[in-house]
All heavy atoms as atom14 arrays in JSON, in Angstrom:
{
  "sequence": "YHDLLVEAGLSYDQAAEFDDLLAVGEDDLDELVEFAGTDRVEEAVTNL",
  "atom14_mask": [
    [1, 1, 1, 1, 1, 1, 1, 1, 1, 1, 1, 1, 0, 0],
    [1, 1, 1, 1, 1, 1, 1, 1, 1, 1, 0, 0, 0, 0],
    [1, 1, 1, 1, 1, 1, 1, 1, 0, 0, 0, 0, 0, 0],
    [1, 1, 1, 1, 1, 1, 1, 1, 0, 0, 0, 0, 0, 0],
    [1, 1, 1, 1, 1, 1, 1, 1, 0, 0, 0, 0, 0, 0],
    [1, 1, 1, 1, 1, 1, 1, 0, 0, 0, 0, 0, 0, 0],
    [1, 1, 1, 1, 1, 1, 1, 1, 1, 0, 0, 0, 0, 0],
    [1, 1, 1, 1, 1, 0, 0, 0, 0, 0, 0, 0, 0, 0],
    [1, 1, 1, 1, 0, 0, 0, 0, 0, 0, 0, 0, 0, 0],
    [1, 1, 1, 1, 1, 1, 1, 1, 0, 0, 0, 0, 0, 0],
    [1, 1, 1, 1, 1, 1, 0, 0, 0, 0, 0, 0, 0, 0],
    [1, 1, 1, 1, 1, 1, 1, 1, 1, 1, 1, 1, 0, 0],
    [1, 1, 1, 1, 1, 1, 1, 1, 0, 0, 0, 0, 0, 0],
    [1, 1, 1, 1, 1, 1, 1, 1, 1, 0, 0, 0, 0, 0],
    [1, 1, 1, 1, 1, 0, 0, 0, 0, 0, 0, 0, 0, 0],
    [1, 1, 1, 1, 1, 0, 0, 0, 0, 0, 0, 0, 0, 0],
    [1, 1, 1, 1, 1, 1, 1, 1, 1, 0, 0, 0, 0, 0],
    [1, 1, 1, 1, 1, 1, 1, 1, 1, 1, 1, 0, 0, 0],
    [1, 1, 1, 1, 1, 1, 1, 1, 0, 0, 0, 0, 0, 0],
    [1, 1, 1, 1, 1, 1, 1, 1, 0, 0, 0, 0, 0, 0],
    [1, 1, 1, 1, 1, 1, 1, 1, 0, 0, 0, 0, 0, 0],
    [1, 1, 1, 1, 1, 1, 1, 1, 0, 0, 0, 0, 0, 0],
    [1, 1, 1, 1, 1, 0, 0, 0, 0, 0, 0, 0, 0, 0],
    [1, 1, 1, 1, 1, 1, 1, 0, 0, 0, 0, 0, 0, 0],
    [1, 1, 1, 1, 0, 0, 0, 0, 0, 0, 0, 0, 0, 0],
    [1, 1, 1, 1, 1, 1, 1, 1, 1, 0, 0, 0, 0, 0],
    [1, 1, 1, 1, 1, 1, 1, 1, 0, 0, 0, 0, 0, 0],
    [1, 1, 1, 1, 1, 1, 1, 1, 0, 0, 0, 0, 0, 0],
    [1, 1, 1, 1, 1, 1, 1, 1, 0, 0, 0, 0, 0, 0],
    [1, 1, 1, 1, 1, 1, 1, 1, 0, 0, 0, 0, 0, 0],
    [1, 1, 1, 1, 1, 1, 1, 1, 1, 0, 0, 0, 0, 0],
    [1, 1, 1, 1, 1, 1, 1, 1, 0, 0, 0, 0, 0, 0],
    [1, 1, 1, 1, 1, 1, 1, 0, 0, 0, 0, 0, 0, 0],
    [1, 1, 1, 1, 1, 1, 1, 1, 1, 0, 0, 0, 0, 0],
    [1, 1, 1, 1, 1, 1, 1, 1, 1, 1, 1, 0, 0, 0],
    [1, 1, 1, 1, 1, 0, 0, 0, 0, 0, 0, 0, 0, 0],
    [1, 1, 1, 1, 0, 0, 0, 0, 0, 0, 0, 0, 0, 0],
    [1, 1, 1, 1, 1, 1, 1, 0, 0, 0, 0, 0, 0, 0],
    [1, 1, 1, 1, 1, 1, 1, 1, 0, 0, 0, 0, 0, 0],
    [1, 1, 1, 1, 1, 1, 1, 1, 1, 1, 1, 0, 0, 0],
    [1, 1, 1, 1, 1, 1, 1, 0, 0, 0, 0, 0, 0, 0],
    [1, 1, 1, 1, 1, 1, 1, 1, 1, 0, 0, 0, 0, 0],
    [1, 1, 1, 1, 1, 1, 1, 1, 1, 0, 0, 0, 0, 0],
    [1, 1, 1, 1, 1, 0, 0, 0, 0, 0, 0, 0, 0, 0],
    [1, 1, 1, 1, 1, 1, 1, 0, 0, 0, 0, 0, 0, 0],
    [1, 1, 1, 1, 1, 1, 1, 0, 0, 0, 0, 0, 0, 0],
    [1, 1, 1, 1, 1, 1, 1, 1, 0, 0, 0, 0, 0, 0],
    [1, 1, 1, 1, 1, 1, 1, 1, 0, 0, 0, 0, 0, 0]
  ],
  "atom14_positions": [
    [[-2.03, -9.08, -45.32], [-2.45, -8.5, -46.65], [-3.74, -7.78, -46.44], [-3.97, -6.65, -46.89], [-2.53, -9.61, -47.66], [-3.33, -9.27, -48.91], [-3.05, -8.09, -49.6], [-4.26, -10.16, -49.4], [-3.78, -7.79, -50.77], [-4.96, -9.92, -50.57], [-4.7, -8.67, -51.24], [-5.4, -8.39, -52.39], [0.0, 0.0, 0.0], [0.0, 0.0, 0.0]],
    [[-4.73, -8.42, -45.74], [-6.03, -7.77, -45.49], [-5.84, -6.53, -44.65], [-6.58, -5.52, -44.83], [-6.97, -8.75, -44.92], [-7.67, -9.61, -45.92], [-8.84, -10.28, -45.67], [-7.3, -9.92, -47.19], [-9.17, -10.93, -46.76], [-8.2, -10.8, -47.67], [0.0, 0.0, 0.0], [0.0, 0.0, 0.0], [0.0, 0.0, 0.0], [0.0, 0.0, 0.0]],
    [[-4.9, -6.56, -43.68], [-4.66, -5.37, -42.86], [-4.18, -4.22, -43.71], [-4.53, -3.08, -43.48], [-3.59, -5.7, -41.83], [-4.12, -6.6, -40.69], [-5.33, -6.68, -40.54], [-3.29, -7.14, -40.0], [0.0, 0.0, 0.0], [0.0, 0.0, 0.0], [0.0, 0.0, 0.0], [0.0, 0.0, 0.0], [0.0, 0.0, 0.0], [0.0, 0.0, 0.0]],
    [[-3.3, -4.49, -44.74], [-2.85, -3.41, -45.63], [-4.02, -2.83, -46.41], [-4.07, -1.59, -46.65], [-1.74, -3.96, -46.52], [-0.43, -4.27, -45.85], [0.52, -4.89, -46.87], [0.2, -3.06, -45.24], [0.0, 0.0, 0.0], [0.0, 0.0, 0.0], [0.0, 0.0, 0.0], [0.0, 0.0, 0.0], [0.0, 0.0, 0.0], [0.0, 0.0, 0.0]],
    [[-4.9, -3.69, -46.91], [-6.03, -3.22, -47.64], [-6.89, -2.29, -46.77], [-7.48, -1.34, -47.24], [-6.88, -4.36, -48.21], [-6.18, -5.23, -49.32], [-7.11, -6.41, -49.71], [-5.92, -4.35, -50.53], [0.0, 0.0, 0.0], [0.0, 0.0, 0.0], [0.0, 0.0, 0.0], [0.0, 0.0, 0.0], [0.0, 0.0, 0.0], [0.0, 0.0, 0.0]],
    [[-7.04, -2.74, -45.52], [-7.88, -1.93, -44.55], [-7.16, -0.58, -44.31], [-7.83, 0.52, -44.3], [-8.1, -2.66, -43.26], [-8.74, -1.81, -42.21], [-9.03, -3.88, -43.5], [0.0, 0.0, 0.0], [0.0, 0.0, 0.0], [0.0, 0.0, 0.0], [0.0, 0.0, 0.0], [0.0, 0.0, 0.0], [0.0, 0.0, 0.0], [0.0, 0.0, 0.0]],
    [[-5.9, -0.59, -44.19], [-5.17, 0.64, -43.97], [-5.29, 1.53, -45.21], [-5.27, 2.8, -45.1], [-3.64, 0.37, -43.8], [-3.32, -0.27, -42.46], [-1.83, -0.57, -42.33], [-1.03, -0.07, -43.15], [-1.51, -1.39, -41.42], [0.0, 0.0, 0.0], [0.0, 0.0, 0.0], [0.0, 0.0, 0.0], [0.0, 0.0, 0.0], [0.0, 0.0, 0.0]],
    [[-5.5, 0.95, -46.39], [-5.71, 1.74, -47.63], [-7.13, 2.26, -47.76], [-7.35, 3.09, -48.62], [-5.34, 0.88, -48.84], [0.0, 0.0, 0.0], [0.0, 0.0, 0.0], [0.0, 0.0, 0.0], [0.0, 0.0, 0.0], [0.0, 0.0, 0.0], [0.0, 0.0, 0.0], [0.0, 0.0, 0.0], [0.0, 0.0, 0.0], [0.0, 0.0, 0.0]],
    [[-8.07, 1.81, -46.9], [-9.4, 2.38, -46.91], [-10.54, 1.45, -46.99], [-11.67, 1.84, -46.85], [0.0, 0.0, 0.0], [0.0, 0.0, 0.0], [0.0, 0.0, 0.0], [0.0, 0.0, 0.0], [0.0, 0.0, 0.0], [0.0, 0.0, 0.0], [0.0, 0.0, 0.0], [0.0, 0.0, 0.0], [0.0, 0.0, 0.0], [0.0, 0.0, 0.0]],
    [[-10.3, 0.16, -47.29], [-11.35, -0.87, -47.34], [-11.76, -1.34, -45.94], [-10.9, -1.25, -44.97], [-11.02, -2.08, -48.18], [-10.76, -1.86, -49.66], [-10.36, -3.2, -50.33], [-11.99, -1.3, -50.32], [0.0, 0.0, 0.0], [0.0, 0.0, 0.0], [0.0, 0.0, 0.0], [0.0, 0.0, 0.0], [0.0, 0.0, 0.0], [0.0, 0.0, 0.0]],
    [[-12.98, -1.82, -45.71], [-13.3, -2.56, -44.5], [-12.8, -3.96, -44.67], [-12.39, -4.39, -45.83], [-14.83, -2.54, -44.29], [-15.41, -3.35, -45.27], [0.0, 0.0, 0.0], [0.0, 0.0, 0.0], [0.0, 0.0, 0.0], [0.0, 0.0, 0.0], [0.0, 0.0, 0.0], [0.0, 0.0, 0.0], [0.0, 0.0, 0.0], [0.0, 0.0, 0.0]],
    [[-12.82, -4.73, -43.57], [-12.33, -6.16, -43.67], [-13.3, -6.97, -44.6], [-12.87, -7.81, -45.39], [-12.26, -6.75, -42.31], [-10.99, -6.4, -41.57], [-10.98, -5.44, -40.55], [-9.78, -7.02, -41.97], [-9.79, -5.17, -39.9], [-8.58, -6.66, -41.26], [-8.65, -5.66, -40.24], [-7.46, -5.33, -39.59], [0.0, 0.0, 0.0], [0.0, 0.0, 0.0]],
    [[-14.57, -6.66, -44.49], [-15.5, -7.37, -45.36], [-15.28, -7.06, -46.87], [-15.29, -7.9, -47.77], [-16.98, -7.03, -45.04], [-17.42, -7.69, -43.7], [-16.78, -8.69, -43.23], [-18.39, -7.21, -43.13], [0.0, 0.0, 0.0], [0.0, 0.0, 0.0], [0.0, 0.0, 0.0], [0.0, 0.0, 0.0], [0.0, 0.0, 0.0], [0.0, 0.0, 0.0]],
    [[-14.94, -5.75, -47.12], [-14.71, -5.28, -48.48], [-13.37, -5.95, -48.94], [-13.26, -6.35, -50.14], [-14.61, -3.8, -48.57], [-15.96, -3.12, -48.44], [-15.88, -1.64, -48.26], [-14.85, -1.1, -47.78], [-16.89, -0.91, -48.71], [0.0, 0.0, 0.0], [0.0, 0.0, 0.0], [0.0, 0.0, 0.0], [0.0, 0.0, 0.0], [0.0, 0.0, 0.0]],
    [[-12.39, -6.06, -48.07], [-11.09, -6.67, -48.43], [-11.36, -8.16, -48.87], [-10.75, -8.63, -49.83], [-10.15, -6.6, -47.28], [0.0, 0.0, 0.0], [0.0, 0.0, 0.0], [0.0, 0.0, 0.0], [0.0, 0.0, 0.0], [0.0, 0.0, 0.0], [0.0, 0.0, 0.0], [0.0, 0.0, 0.0], [0.0, 0.0, 0.0], [0.0, 0.0, 0.0]],
    [[-12.19, -8.85, -48.11], [-12.47, -10.24, -48.46], [-13.24, -10.32, -49.79], [-12.96, -11.19, -50.63], [-13.31, -10.88, -47.31], [0.0, 0.0, 0.0], [0.0, 0.0, 0.0], [0.0, 0.0, 0.0], [0.0, 0.0, 0.0], [0.0, 0.0, 0.0], [0.0, 0.0, 0.0], [0.0, 0.0, 0.0], [0.0, 0.0, 0.0], [0.0, 0.0, 0.0]],
    [[-14.17, -9.36, -49.99], [-14.93, -9.38, -51.25], [-13.98, -9.08, -52.43], [-14.1, -9.67, -53.5], [-16.06, -8.33, -51.18], [-16.94, -8.29, -52.39], [-18.09, -7.34, -52.26], [-18.05, -6.5, -51.34], [-19.02, -7.4, -53.1], [0.0, 0.0, 0.0], [0.0, 0.0, 0.0], [0.0, 0.0, 0.0], [0.0, 0.0, 0.0], [0.0, 0.0, 0.0]],
    [[-13.07, -8.13, -52.2], [-12.1, -7.81, -53.27], [-11.25, -9.07, -53.61], [-10.97, -9.34, -54.73], [-11.21, -6.61, -52.84], [-10.1, -6.35, -53.75], [-10.28, -5.6, -54.94], [-8.8, -6.75, -53.48], [-9.27, -5.33, -55.77], [-7.76, -6.49, -54.31], [-7.99, -5.77, -55.52], [0.0, 0.0, 0.0], [0.0, 0.0, 0.0], [0.0, 0.0, 0.0]],
    [[-10.81, -9.78, -52.57], [-10.05, -10.96, -52.76], [-10.77, -11.95, -53.62], [-10.16, -12.63, -54.5], [-9.69, -11.59, -51.34], [-8.21, -11.93, -51.3], [-7.45, -11.63, -52.23], [-7.91, -12.58, -50.3], [0.0, 0.0, 0.0], [0.0, 0.0, 0.0], [0.0, 0.0, 0.0], [0.0, 0.0, 0.0], [0.0, 0.0, 0.0], [0.0, 0.0, 0.0]],
    [[-12.04, -12.12, -53.37], [-12.84, -13.12, -54.14], [-12.91, -12.62, -55.61], [-12.87, -13.49, -56.51], [-14.22, -13.22, -53.59], [-14.26, -13.93, -52.23], [-13.3, -14.69, -51.95], [-15.22, -13.75, -51.44], [0.0, 0.0, 0.0], [0.0, 0.0, 0.0], [0.0, 0.0, 0.0], [0.0, 0.0, 0.0], [0.0, 0.0, 0.0], [0.0, 0.0, 0.0]],
    [[-13.04, -11.37, -55.83], [-13.11, -10.82, -57.19], [-11.88, -11.15, -58.03], [-11.93, -11.5, -59.19], [-13.34, -9.27, -57.17], [-14.68, -8.83, -56.68], [-14.7, -7.29, -56.55], [-15.83, -9.16, -57.74], [0.0, 0.0, 0.0], [0.0, 0.0, 0.0], [0.0, 0.0, 0.0], [0.0, 0.0, 0.0], [0.0, 0.0, 0.0], [0.0, 0.0, 0.0]],
    [[-10.76, -11.09, -57.35], [-9.44, -11.34, -58.07], [-9.29, -12.81, -58.45], [-8.42, -13.12, -59.28], [-8.27, -10.9, -57.19], [-8.14, -9.4, -56.89], [-6.73, -9.12, -56.37], [-8.4, -8.53, -58.09], [0.0, 0.0, 0.0], [0.0, 0.0, 0.0], [0.0, 0.0, 0.0], [0.0, 0.0, 0.0], [0.0, 0.0, 0.0], [0.0, 0.0, 0.0]],
    [[-10.12, -13.68, -57.88], [-9.98, -15.13, -58.18], [-10.73, -15.52, -59.41], [-10.69, -16.72, -59.78], [-10.45, -15.91, -56.94], [0.0, 0.0, 0.0], [0.0, 0.0, 0.0], [0.0, 0.0, 0.0], [0.0, 0.0, 0.0], [0.0, 0.0, 0.0], [0.0, 0.0, 0.0], [0.0, 0.0, 0.0], [0.0, 0.0, 0.0], [0.0, 0.0, 0.0]],
    [[-11.43, -14.63, -60.1], [-12.23, -14.99, -61.25], [-11.26, -15.54, -62.34], [-10.07, -15.13, -62.47], [-13.04, -13.85, -61.87], [-13.99, -13.3, -60.81], [-12.19, -12.73, -62.39], [0.0, 0.0, 0.0], [0.0, 0.0, 0.0], [0.0, 0.0, 0.0], [0.0, 0.0, 0.0], [0.0, 0.0, 0.0], [0.0, 0.0, 0.0], [0.0, 0.0, 0.0]],
    [[-11.74, -16.42, -63.19], [-10.97, -16.94, -64.31], [-11.03, -16.1, -65.5], [-11.85, -15.06, -65.56], [0.0, 0.0, 0.0], [0.0, 0.0, 0.0], [0.0, 0.0, 0.0], [0.0, 0.0, 0.0], [0.0, 0.0, 0.0], [0.0, 0.0, 0.0], [0.0, 0.0, 0.0], [0.0, 0.0, 0.0], [0.0, 0.0, 0.0], [0.0, 0.0, 0.0]],
    [[-10.28, -16.39, -66.5], [-10.24, -15.55, -67.68], [-11.53, -15.51, -68.46], [-11.89, -14.46, -69.03], [-9.11, -16.14, -68.68], [-8.86, -15.21, -69.88], [-7.72, -15.74, -70.72], [-6.9, -16.55, -70.19], [-7.67, -15.36, -71.88], [0.0, 0.0, 0.0], [0.0, 0.0, 0.0], [0.0, 0.0, 0.0], [0.0, 0.0, 0.0], [0.0, 0.0, 0.0]],
    [[-12.32, -16.54, -68.35], [-13.62, -16.59, -69.02], [-14.73, -15.83, -68.25], [-15.83, -15.64, -68.75], [-14.08, -18.0, -69.21], [-13.2, -18.78, -70.22], [-12.57, -18.13, -71.09], [-13.08, -20.0, -70.08], [0.0, 0.0, 0.0], [0.0, 0.0, 0.0], [0.0, 0.0, 0.0], [0.0, 0.0, 0.0], [0.0, 0.0, 0.0], [0.0, 0.0, 0.0]],
    [[-14.38, -15.37, -67.04], [-15.38, -14.74, -66.18], [-15.01, -13.25, -65.93], [-15.55, -12.7, -64.94], [-15.48, -15.47, -64.83], [-15.84, -16.94, -65.05], [-16.82, -17.22, -65.91], [-15.28, -17.81, -64.42], [0.0, 0.0, 0.0], [0.0, 0.0, 0.0], [0.0, 0.0, 0.0], [0.0, 0.0, 0.0], [0.0, 0.0, 0.0], [0.0, 0.0, 0.0]],
    [[-14.16, -12.68, -66.73], [-13.8, -11.26, -66.46], [-14.98, -10.3, -66.57], [-14.98, -9.27, -65.98], [-12.71, -10.84, -67.53], [-11.32, -11.44, -67.22], [-10.41, -11.11, -68.41], [-10.72, -10.88, -65.92], [0.0, 0.0, 0.0], [0.0, 0.0, 0.0], [0.0, 0.0, 0.0], [0.0, 0.0, 0.0], [0.0, 0.0, 0.0], [0.0, 0.0, 0.0]],
    [[-16.02, -10.74, -67.32], [-17.19, -9.88, -67.4], [-17.9, -9.69, -66.04], [-18.61, -8.75, -65.84], [-18.22, -10.49, -68.4], [-17.79, -10.34, -69.85], [-16.86, -9.5, -70.07], [-18.3, -11.02, -70.65], [0.0, 0.0, 0.0], [0.0, 0.0, 0.0], [0.0, 0.0, 0.0], [0.0, 0.0, 0.0], [0.0, 0.0, 0.0], [0.0, 0.0, 0.0]],
    [[-17.65, -10.64, -65.12], [-18.14, -10.48, -63.82], [-17.62, -9.25, -63.13], [-18.32, -8.55, -62.31], [-17.88, -11.7, -62.94], [-18.61, -12.98, -63.38], [-18.27, -14.15, -62.51], [-17.73, -13.9, -61.39], [-18.55, -15.34, -62.91], [0.0, 0.0, 0.0], [0.0, 0.0, 0.0], [0.0, 0.0, 0.0], [0.0, 0.0, 0.0], [0.0, 0.0, 0.0]],
    [[-16.36, -8.91, -63.39], [-15.71, -7.73, -62.84], [-16.34, -6.46, -63.41], [-16.53, -5.48, -62.66], [-14.22, -7.78, -63.07], [-13.44, -9.01, -62.63], [-11.99, -8.85, -62.94], [-13.65, -9.18, -61.15], [0.0, 0.0, 0.0], [0.0, 0.0, 0.0], [0.0, 0.0, 0.0], [0.0, 0.0, 0.0], [0.0, 0.0, 0.0], [0.0, 0.0, 0.0]],
    [[-16.63, -6.51, -64.72], [-17.27, -5.37, -65.32], [-18.65, -5.1, -64.75], [-19.07, -3.98, -64.39], [-17.44, -5.62, -66.87], [-18.14, -4.39, -67.55], [-16.02, -5.77, -67.51], [0.0, 0.0, 0.0], [0.0, 0.0, 0.0], [0.0, 0.0, 0.0], [0.0, 0.0, 0.0], [0.0, 0.0, 0.0], [0.0, 0.0, 0.0], [0.0, 0.0, 0.0]],
    [[-19.43, -6.24, -64.56], [-20.72, -6.11, -63.93], [-20.63, -5.61, -62.51], [-21.46, -4.75, -62.11], [-21.36, -7.51, -64.0], [-22.84, -7.49, -63.46], [-23.48, -8.85, -63.53], [-22.88, -9.75, -64.24], [-24.56, -9.02, -63.0], [0.0, 0.0, 0.0], [0.0, 0.0, 0.0], [0.0, 0.0, 0.0], [0.0, 0.0, 0.0], [0.0, 0.0, 0.0]],
    [[-19.66, -6.07, -61.75], [-19.49, -5.63, -60.34], [-19.22, -4.14, -60.26], [-19.83, -3.41, -59.48], [-18.42, -6.43, -59.67], [-18.12, -5.93, -58.24], [-18.88, -6.4, -57.18], [-17.13, -5.05, -58.06], [-18.64, -5.85, -55.87], [-16.85, -4.53, -56.8], [-17.61, -5.0, -55.65], [0.0, 0.0, 0.0], [0.0, 0.0, 0.0], [0.0, 0.0, 0.0]],
    [[-18.24, -3.68, -61.1], [-17.8, -2.38, -60.97], [-18.78, -1.35, -61.63], [-19.0, -0.24, -61.08], [-16.38, -2.18, -61.62], [0.0, 0.0, 0.0], [0.0, 0.0, 0.0], [0.0, 0.0, 0.0], [0.0, 0.0, 0.0], [0.0, 0.0, 0.0], [0.0, 0.0, 0.0], [0.0, 0.0, 0.0], [0.0, 0.0, 0.0], [0.0, 0.0, 0.0]],
    [[-19.34, -1.78, -62.77], [-20.26, -0.94, -63.46], [-19.66, 0.36, -63.94], [-20.36, 1.37, -64.08], [0.0, 0.0, 0.0], [0.0, 0.0, 0.0], [0.0, 0.0, 0.0], [0.0, 0.0, 0.0], [0.0, 0.0, 0.0], [0.0, 0.0, 0.0], [0.0, 0.0, 0.0], [0.0, 0.0, 0.0], [0.0, 0.0, 0.0], [0.0, 0.0, 0.0]],
    [[-18.37, 0.37, -64.28], [-17.68, 1.55, -64.73], [-17.0, 1.27, -66.09], [-16.56, 0.18, -66.38], [-16.59, 1.98, -63.71], [-15.56, 1.01, -63.62], [-17.23, 2.21, -62.37], [0.0, 0.0, 0.0], [0.0, 0.0, 0.0], [0.0, 0.0, 0.0], [0.0, 0.0, 0.0], [0.0, 0.0, 0.0], [0.0, 0.0, 0.0], [0.0, 0.0, 0.0]],
    [[-16.87, 2.41, -66.8], [-16.15, 2.33, -68.11], [-14.66, 1.95, -67.89], [-14.08, 1.26, -68.73], [-16.21, 3.71, -68.82], [-17.59, 4.03, -69.36], [-18.42, 3.08, -69.44], [-17.88, 5.18, -69.65], [0.0, 0.0, 0.0], [0.0, 0.0, 0.0], [0.0, 0.0, 0.0], [0.0, 0.0, 0.0], [0.0, 0.0, 0.0], [0.0, 0.0, 0.0]],
    [[-14.1, 2.37, -66.75], [-12.68, 2.13, -66.49], [-12.42, 0.63, -66.5], [-11.48, 0.17, -67.12], [-12.25, 2.78, -65.22], [-10.75, 2.56, -64.9], [-10.36, 3.18, -63.6], [-8.86, 3.02, -63.36], [-8.25, 3.42, -62.32], [-8.97, 4.03, -61.28], [-6.96, 3.29, -62.14], [0.0, 0.0, 0.0], [0.0, 0.0, 0.0], [0.0, 0.0, 0.0]],
    [[-13.2, -0.11, -65.73], [-12.98, -1.52, -65.66], [-13.33, -2.27, -66.97], [-12.62, -3.14, -67.45], [-13.83, -2.16, -64.47], [-13.74, -3.65, -64.46], [-13.32, -1.66, -63.17], [0.0, 0.0, 0.0], [0.0, 0.0, 0.0], [0.0, 0.0, 0.0], [0.0, 0.0, 0.0], [0.0, 0.0, 0.0], [0.0, 0.0, 0.0], [0.0, 0.0, 0.0]],
    [[-14.43, -1.79, -67.65], [-14.81, -2.39, -68.85], [-13.73, -2.22, -69.94], [-13.36, -3.15, -70.71], [-16.1, -1.76, -69.38], [-16.62, -2.45, -70.67], [-17.99, -1.93, -71.08], [-18.47, -0.97, -70.44], [-18.54, -2.43, -72.09], [0.0, 0.0, 0.0], [0.0, 0.0, 0.0], [0.0, 0.0, 0.0], [0.0, 0.0, 0.0], [0.0, 0.0, 0.0]],
    [[-13.21, -0.98, -70.06], [-12.12, -0.73, -70.98], [-10.9, -1.52, -70.68], [-10.21, -1.96, -71.55], [-11.89, 0.74, -71.07], [-12.96, 1.59, -71.68], [-12.78, 3.07, -71.53], [-11.75, 3.49, -70.93], [-13.67, 3.82, -71.97], [0.0, 0.0, 0.0], [0.0, 0.0, 0.0], [0.0, 0.0, 0.0], [0.0, 0.0, 0.0], [0.0, 0.0, 0.0]],
    [[-10.58, -1.67, -69.37], [-9.38, -2.38, -69.0], [-9.49, -3.89, -69.3], [-8.53, -4.46, -69.77], [-9.12, -2.18, -67.48], [0.0, 0.0, 0.0], [0.0, 0.0, 0.0], [0.0, 0.0, 0.0], [0.0, 0.0, 0.0], [0.0, 0.0, 0.0], [0.0, 0.0, 0.0], [0.0, 0.0, 0.0], [0.0, 0.0, 0.0], [0.0, 0.0, 0.0]],
    [[-10.64, -4.43, -69.06], [-10.85, -5.84, -69.33], [-10.74, -6.04, -70.87], [-10.1, -7.01, -71.29], [-12.28, -6.3, -68.85], [-12.64, -7.63, -69.45], [-12.22, -6.4, -67.34], [0.0, 0.0, 0.0], [0.0, 0.0, 0.0], [0.0, 0.0, 0.0], [0.0, 0.0, 0.0], [0.0, 0.0, 0.0], [0.0, 0.0, 0.0], [0.0, 0.0, 0.0]],
    [[-11.31, -5.16, -71.64], [-11.26, -5.31, -73.09], [-9.78, -5.22, -73.55], [-9.36, -5.97, -74.43], [-12.15, -4.22, -73.78], [-13.45, -4.42, -73.43], [-11.98, -4.32, -75.32], [0.0, 0.0, 0.0], [0.0, 0.0, 0.0], [0.0, 0.0, 0.0], [0.0, 0.0, 0.0], [0.0, 0.0, 0.0], [0.0, 0.0, 0.0], [0.0, 0.0, 0.0]],
    [[-9.08, -4.22, -72.99], [-7.66, -4.08, -73.36], [-6.84, -5.31, -73.05], [-6.03, -5.79, -73.82], [-7.13, -2.84, -72.65], [-5.6, -2.63, -73.0], [-4.74, -2.73, -72.09], [-5.3, -2.32, -74.27], [0.0, 0.0, 0.0], [0.0, 0.0, 0.0], [0.0, 0.0, 0.0], [0.0, 0.0, 0.0], [0.0, 0.0, 0.0], [0.0, 0.0, 0.0]],
    [[-7.08, -5.86, -71.87], [-6.33, -7.07, -71.41], [-6.62, -8.23, -72.36], [-5.75, -8.98, -72.78], [-6.67, -7.41, -69.98], [-6.11, -8.72, -69.4], [-4.59, -8.65, -69.41], [-6.57, -8.96, -68.04], [0.0, 0.0, 0.0], [0.0, 0.0, 0.0], [0.0, 0.0, 0.0], [0.0, 0.0, 0.0], [0.0, 0.0, 0.0], [0.0, 0.0, 0.0]]
  ]
}
């Protein structure tokens, strides 16, 4: 899985960091908004 993420453009460290981000719970989705700092993620979290 991490190899596929690297093939898509991430480094192995970034792939591991991305994996950790996906593990957040429903009450912690704001952490994703803070990490990304973009309207796209903020709007998506609100929509979800």
